[in-house]
Protein backbone atom coordinates (compact mmCIF):
# COMPACT_ATOMS: atom_id res chain seq x y z
CA MET A 1 124.54 165.43 85.86
CA SER A 2 125.63 165.45 82.31
CA GLY A 3 125.24 168.31 79.88
CA THR A 4 122.34 166.60 78.19
CA ARG A 5 119.05 165.47 79.69
CA GLN A 6 119.37 162.02 81.12
CA THR A 7 116.80 159.39 80.17
CA GLY A 8 115.29 156.82 82.51
CA ASP A 9 117.65 154.19 81.13
CA GLU A 10 120.62 156.39 82.10
CA GLN A 11 119.24 156.91 85.59
CA THR A 12 118.86 153.10 85.94
CA LYS A 13 122.42 152.59 84.78
CA LEU A 14 123.77 155.27 87.08
CA TRP A 15 122.06 154.02 90.30
CA ASN A 16 122.78 150.44 89.57
CA GLY A 17 126.41 151.20 88.77
CA LEU A 18 129.10 153.41 90.35
CA ALA A 19 126.70 155.83 91.99
CA GLY A 20 124.55 153.14 93.68
CA ARG A 21 127.57 151.29 94.91
CA ALA A 22 129.14 154.47 96.35
CA TRP A 23 125.97 155.20 98.22
CA VAL A 24 126.02 151.76 99.71
CA GLU A 25 129.64 151.98 100.73
CA GLU A 26 129.07 155.46 102.31
CA GLN A 27 125.78 154.50 103.90
CA GLU A 28 126.75 155.28 107.49
CA LEU A 29 128.20 158.71 106.57
CA LEU A 30 125.17 159.67 104.51
CA ASP A 31 122.70 158.47 107.14
CA GLN A 32 124.47 160.63 109.73
CA LEU A 33 124.57 163.63 107.33
CA PHE A 34 120.87 163.43 106.49
CA LYS A 35 119.57 162.29 109.89
CA PRO A 36 117.72 165.59 110.48
CA PHE A 37 115.58 164.97 107.39
CA GLU A 38 114.86 161.41 108.41
CA GLU A 39 113.60 162.72 111.76
CA LEU A 40 111.33 165.30 110.06
CA LEU A 41 109.70 162.51 108.00
CA ALA A 42 109.44 159.92 110.78
CA GLY A 43 107.96 162.61 112.97
CA ALA A 44 105.00 162.82 110.58
CA VAL A 45 104.02 159.35 111.59
CA SER A 46 102.15 158.73 114.81
CA ALA A 47 103.70 156.04 116.95
CA GLY A 48 101.78 152.81 116.76
CA SER A 49 99.39 154.04 114.08
CA GLY A 50 98.03 151.75 111.51
CA ARG A 51 99.24 153.75 108.59
CA GLN A 52 100.36 152.25 105.31
CA VAL A 53 103.44 154.27 104.18
CA LEU A 54 105.44 154.26 100.93
CA ASP A 55 108.98 155.70 100.97
CA VAL A 56 109.83 156.80 97.46
CA GLY A 57 113.51 156.60 96.40
CA CYS A 58 114.28 154.89 99.68
CA GLY A 59 118.00 154.27 98.92
CA THR A 60 119.56 152.07 101.55
CA GLY A 61 116.50 152.23 103.74
CA SER A 62 117.32 154.39 106.73
CA THR A 63 114.11 156.48 106.54
CA THR A 64 111.99 153.48 105.69
CA LEU A 65 113.29 151.65 108.75
CA ALA A 66 112.85 154.68 110.99
CA VAL A 67 109.21 154.96 109.93
CA ALA A 68 108.62 151.24 110.29
CA ARG A 69 109.97 151.34 113.85
CA GLN A 70 107.67 154.32 114.61
CA LEU A 71 104.64 152.47 113.17
CA GLY A 72 105.15 149.32 115.06
CA ALA A 73 103.16 146.12 114.32
CA LYS A 74 99.99 147.90 113.39
CA GLY A 75 101.35 149.73 110.39
CA ARG A 76 103.46 148.99 107.27
CA CYS A 77 106.27 150.82 105.53
CA VAL A 78 107.42 149.93 102.06
CA GLY A 79 110.49 151.38 100.39
CA ILE A 80 110.93 151.60 96.64
CA ASP A 81 114.10 152.40 94.69
CA ILE A 82 115.57 151.89 91.24
CA SER A 83 118.93 150.73 92.61
CA GLU A 84 119.54 147.07 93.11
CA PRO A 85 122.67 147.65 95.27
CA MET A 86 120.83 149.98 97.59
CA ILE A 87 117.70 147.83 97.87
CA THR A 88 119.89 144.79 98.62
CA ALA A 89 121.56 146.81 101.41
CA ALA A 90 118.20 147.97 102.72
CA ARG A 91 116.84 144.48 102.91
CA ALA A 92 119.92 143.29 104.76
CA ARG A 93 119.59 146.15 107.30
CA ALA A 94 115.96 145.28 107.91
CA GLU A 95 116.74 141.66 108.44
CA ARG A 96 119.65 142.41 110.77
CA GLU A 97 117.61 144.60 113.09
CA GLY A 98 114.36 142.68 112.74
CA THR A 99 112.37 145.66 111.56
CA PRO A 100 109.28 144.63 109.50
CA ALA A 101 109.86 146.98 106.56
CA SER A 102 109.74 145.68 102.97
CA PHE A 103 111.52 146.86 99.88
CA ILE A 104 110.74 146.95 96.10
CA ARG A 105 113.44 147.26 93.50
CA ALA A 106 111.64 149.12 90.73
CA ASN A 107 111.09 152.50 89.14
CA ALA A 108 108.23 154.24 91.01
CA GLN A 109 107.44 156.07 87.78
CA ASP A 110 105.84 152.99 86.24
CA HIS A 111 105.77 150.28 88.89
CA ALA A 112 102.41 148.47 89.14
CA PHE A 113 101.48 149.32 92.69
CA GLU A 114 98.38 147.91 94.20
CA PRO A 115 95.80 150.63 93.62
CA GLU A 116 94.86 152.86 96.60
CA SER A 117 97.09 150.91 99.03
CA PHE A 118 98.90 153.77 100.87
CA ASP A 119 97.72 156.62 103.07
CA LEU A 120 101.03 158.33 103.43
CA LEU A 121 103.81 158.83 100.80
CA ILE A 122 107.21 160.15 101.95
CA SER A 123 110.60 160.80 100.41
CA ARG A 124 113.95 162.01 101.57
CA PHE A 125 115.60 163.38 98.43
CA GLY A 126 114.19 160.54 96.22
CA VAL A 127 111.66 162.31 93.91
CA MET A 128 114.01 164.45 91.82
CA PHE A 129 115.30 161.73 89.51
CA PHE A 130 112.22 160.81 87.41
CA ASP A 131 112.50 161.07 83.65
CA ASP A 132 108.84 162.16 83.46
CA SER A 133 107.77 163.67 86.83
CA VAL A 134 104.05 164.10 85.91
CA ARG A 135 103.81 160.47 84.87
CA ALA A 136 105.60 159.40 88.07
CA PHE A 137 103.42 161.37 90.44
CA ALA A 138 100.30 160.25 88.61
CA ASN A 139 101.41 156.66 89.19
CA LEU A 140 102.08 157.44 92.82
CA ARG A 141 98.62 159.02 93.00
CA ARG A 142 97.11 155.72 91.82
CA ALA A 143 98.98 153.96 94.65
CA ALA A 144 97.51 156.36 97.12
CA LYS A 145 94.11 156.16 98.81
CA ASP A 146 91.74 159.09 98.26
CA GLY A 147 92.81 161.87 100.59
CA ALA A 148 96.22 160.27 101.36
CA GLU A 149 99.03 162.65 102.38
CA SER A 150 102.38 163.09 100.82
CA ARG A 151 105.41 164.59 102.41
CA PHE A 152 108.58 164.96 100.28
CA ILE A 153 111.83 166.76 100.97
CA ALA A 154 113.76 168.05 97.93
CA TRP A 155 116.64 170.49 97.40
CA ARG A 156 116.05 174.11 96.54
CA SER A 157 118.38 175.79 94.09
CA PRO A 158 122.15 175.32 93.66
CA SER A 159 122.73 178.99 94.51
CA GLU A 160 121.02 178.35 97.90
CA ASN A 161 123.14 175.26 98.46
CA PRO A 162 126.75 176.31 97.82
CA PHE A 163 128.11 173.44 99.95
CA MET A 164 126.62 171.02 97.46
CA THR A 165 128.32 172.65 94.51
CA THR A 166 131.65 173.69 96.01
CA ALA A 167 133.51 170.52 94.81
CA GLU A 168 132.37 170.97 91.22
CA ARG A 169 133.11 174.68 91.11
CA ALA A 170 136.61 174.16 92.51
CA ALA A 171 137.44 171.27 90.28
CA ALA A 172 136.08 172.66 87.04
CA PRO A 173 139.29 174.38 85.92
CA LEU A 174 141.14 171.12 86.32
CA LEU A 175 138.53 168.71 84.87
CA PRO A 176 137.23 170.11 81.58
CA ASN A 177 135.06 167.06 81.14
CA LEU A 178 133.22 167.56 84.43
CA PRO A 179 129.46 167.33 83.57
CA VAL A 180 127.45 170.52 83.86
CA ARG A 181 124.09 170.31 85.72
CA GLN A 182 121.09 171.18 83.66
CA PRO A 183 118.08 172.99 85.14
CA ASP A 184 115.03 170.78 85.46
CA ALA A 185 116.92 167.61 84.36
CA PRO A 186 116.69 164.51 86.59
CA GLY A 187 119.03 165.02 89.43
CA GLN A 188 119.65 166.71 92.77
CA PHE A 189 118.24 170.14 91.88
CA ALA A 190 115.42 169.07 89.55
CA PHE A 191 112.81 170.44 92.02
CA ALA A 192 114.50 173.74 92.68
CA ASP A 193 111.72 175.68 90.94
CA GLN A 194 108.76 175.84 93.32
CA ARG A 195 106.30 176.72 90.53
CA ARG A 196 107.38 173.79 88.49
CA VAL A 197 106.94 171.39 91.47
CA HIS A 198 103.46 172.80 92.05
CA ARG A 199 102.53 172.34 88.37
CA ILE A 200 103.83 168.68 88.42
CA LEU A 201 101.73 167.81 91.49
CA GLU A 202 98.65 169.59 90.24
CA GLU A 203 98.77 167.92 86.80
CA SER A 204 99.25 164.50 88.38
CA GLY A 205 96.22 164.42 90.62
CA TRP A 206 97.39 166.03 93.85
CA ALA A 207 95.67 168.86 95.64
CA GLY A 208 96.14 170.95 98.81
CA ILE A 209 99.77 171.55 97.62
CA ASP A 210 101.91 173.19 100.20
CA ILE A 211 105.57 173.87 99.46
CA GLN A 212 107.55 175.47 102.29
CA PRO A 213 111.27 176.30 102.43
CA ILE A 214 113.20 174.67 105.23
CA ASP A 215 116.82 175.37 106.25
CA VAL A 216 118.41 172.48 108.03
CA ALA A 217 121.76 172.42 109.84
CA CYS A 218 123.86 169.48 108.77
CA THR A 219 127.20 168.16 109.96
CA LEU A 220 129.79 165.50 109.16
CA PRO A 221 133.15 164.74 110.66
CA GLU A 222 136.03 166.67 109.17
CA LYS A 223 138.05 163.39 108.89
CA GLU A 224 135.32 162.17 106.45
CA LEU A 225 135.28 165.21 104.21
CA VAL A 226 137.72 164.10 101.58
CA ARG A 227 136.11 160.73 101.34
CA TYR A 228 132.72 162.42 101.00
CA LEU A 229 133.71 164.78 98.25
CA THR A 230 135.73 162.16 96.27
CA ARG A 231 133.24 159.43 96.32
CA LEU A 232 129.78 161.10 95.76
CA GLY A 233 128.20 163.42 93.27
CA PRO A 234 129.44 164.32 89.78
CA LEU A 235 132.99 164.83 91.02
CA GLY A 236 133.08 161.42 92.70
CA LEU A 237 132.13 159.77 89.50
CA ILE A 238 134.79 161.52 87.42
CA LEU A 239 137.53 160.96 89.99
CA GLN A 240 137.03 157.23 89.81
CA GLU A 241 138.36 157.37 86.26
CA ALA A 242 141.04 160.02 86.77
CA ASP A 243 144.83 159.27 86.79
CA ASP A 244 146.70 159.56 90.11
CA ARG A 245 148.35 162.93 89.37
CA THR A 246 145.07 164.56 88.34
CA ARG A 247 143.24 163.00 91.31
CA THR A 248 145.84 164.32 93.76
CA GLN A 249 145.69 167.84 92.30
CA VAL A 250 141.96 167.94 92.26
CA ILE A 251 141.62 166.64 95.88
CA GLU A 252 144.07 169.26 97.18
CA THR A 253 142.25 172.08 95.28
CA VAL A 254 138.77 170.94 96.33
CA ARG A 255 139.60 170.30 99.91
CA ALA A 256 140.96 173.89 100.29
CA ALA A 257 137.69 175.24 98.85
CA PHE A 258 135.74 173.59 101.68
CA GLU A 259 137.72 175.36 104.39
CA PRO A 260 135.00 177.88 105.21
CA TYR A 261 132.76 175.02 106.30
CA VAL A 262 135.32 173.39 108.56
CA HIS A 263 134.99 174.13 112.30
CA GLY A 264 137.56 172.11 114.18
CA ALA A 265 136.66 168.40 113.92
CA GLU A 266 133.30 169.14 112.33
CA VAL A 267 132.01 170.26 108.90
CA ARG A 268 128.90 172.38 109.05
CA PHE A 269 126.55 173.73 106.39
CA THR A 270 122.94 174.68 105.94
CA ALA A 271 120.80 172.62 103.58
CA ALA A 272 118.22 174.73 101.74
CA CYS A 273 115.26 172.47 100.88
CA TRP A 274 111.58 172.31 100.21
CA MET A 275 109.12 170.42 102.41
CA ILE A 276 106.42 169.48 99.90
CA GLY A 277 103.04 168.45 101.10
CA ALA A 278 99.91 167.46 99.19
CA ARG A 279 96.82 165.32 99.34
CA ALA A 280 95.63 162.73 96.82
CA LEU A 281 92.72 164.25 94.93
CA SER A 282 89.68 161.92 94.84
CA MET A 283 89.79 159.80 91.76
CA HIS A 284 86.17 160.72 91.08
CA LEU A 285 86.89 164.41 91.35
CA GLY A 286 89.86 163.98 89.02
CA ARG A 287 87.72 162.29 86.42
CA ASP A 288 85.02 164.93 86.72
CA LYS A 289 87.59 167.63 86.33
CA ALA A 290 89.05 166.01 83.22
CA LEU A 291 85.52 165.84 81.62
CA ARG A 292 84.88 169.53 82.12
């Protein structure tokens, strides 16, 4: 993230440009890396149930498709994302495998969903990028039926996720223009503060808020590590514009910094996240509360 707060327009540009294309190109690697989270969310859906599910910030659609397969013909899963490249990839995946999931290319913060049309909202790392989180979750509340459940996974703090900041910390002395992440700004760690997340949900019409820490073991092949760290995140964006000499020096320095995570042919780390649950407060109760 940049040193200044990014606006919705900047998020749109980012995810429809270099970042979005990188996620599409690294789809298989990222799906493998985040498979445990996909399984946690898909496990919240009963097989064959008639649930209507919305996957917020669905990316290239892996979790949306997993849930759609779990639901079967009786249910429906819709993915929404701001990124045209990722939504295009998600639609192609659904068509290839014949899974009846559908996808919307739009910003969930202000998209005109059909009111009260979903009874479960899920997200695998897709809710931390809103320009106005209260507005976004209020809009999602309007899309949810009274009493609908939500189950979102978001990152905890950078200090609890050293793997995710190793590349930036190692590269910083070599790249003085490397953007500095800003607390609470749209981005990976925007939901690090549990109290802030609780406040956002409460102010936007959600109740029964339950925010629990989860620590999830993640792995990726060692042979993919350099590609991972040079294609994704803030460092990946900067390196795409770096000269060859700088790029080589940065890659050597950063790869060495990841050595503690390398175990033979595998890279291992623990992802420190929140599992965020809530229920959609009745619209009538919400109006009564507002009048008091």
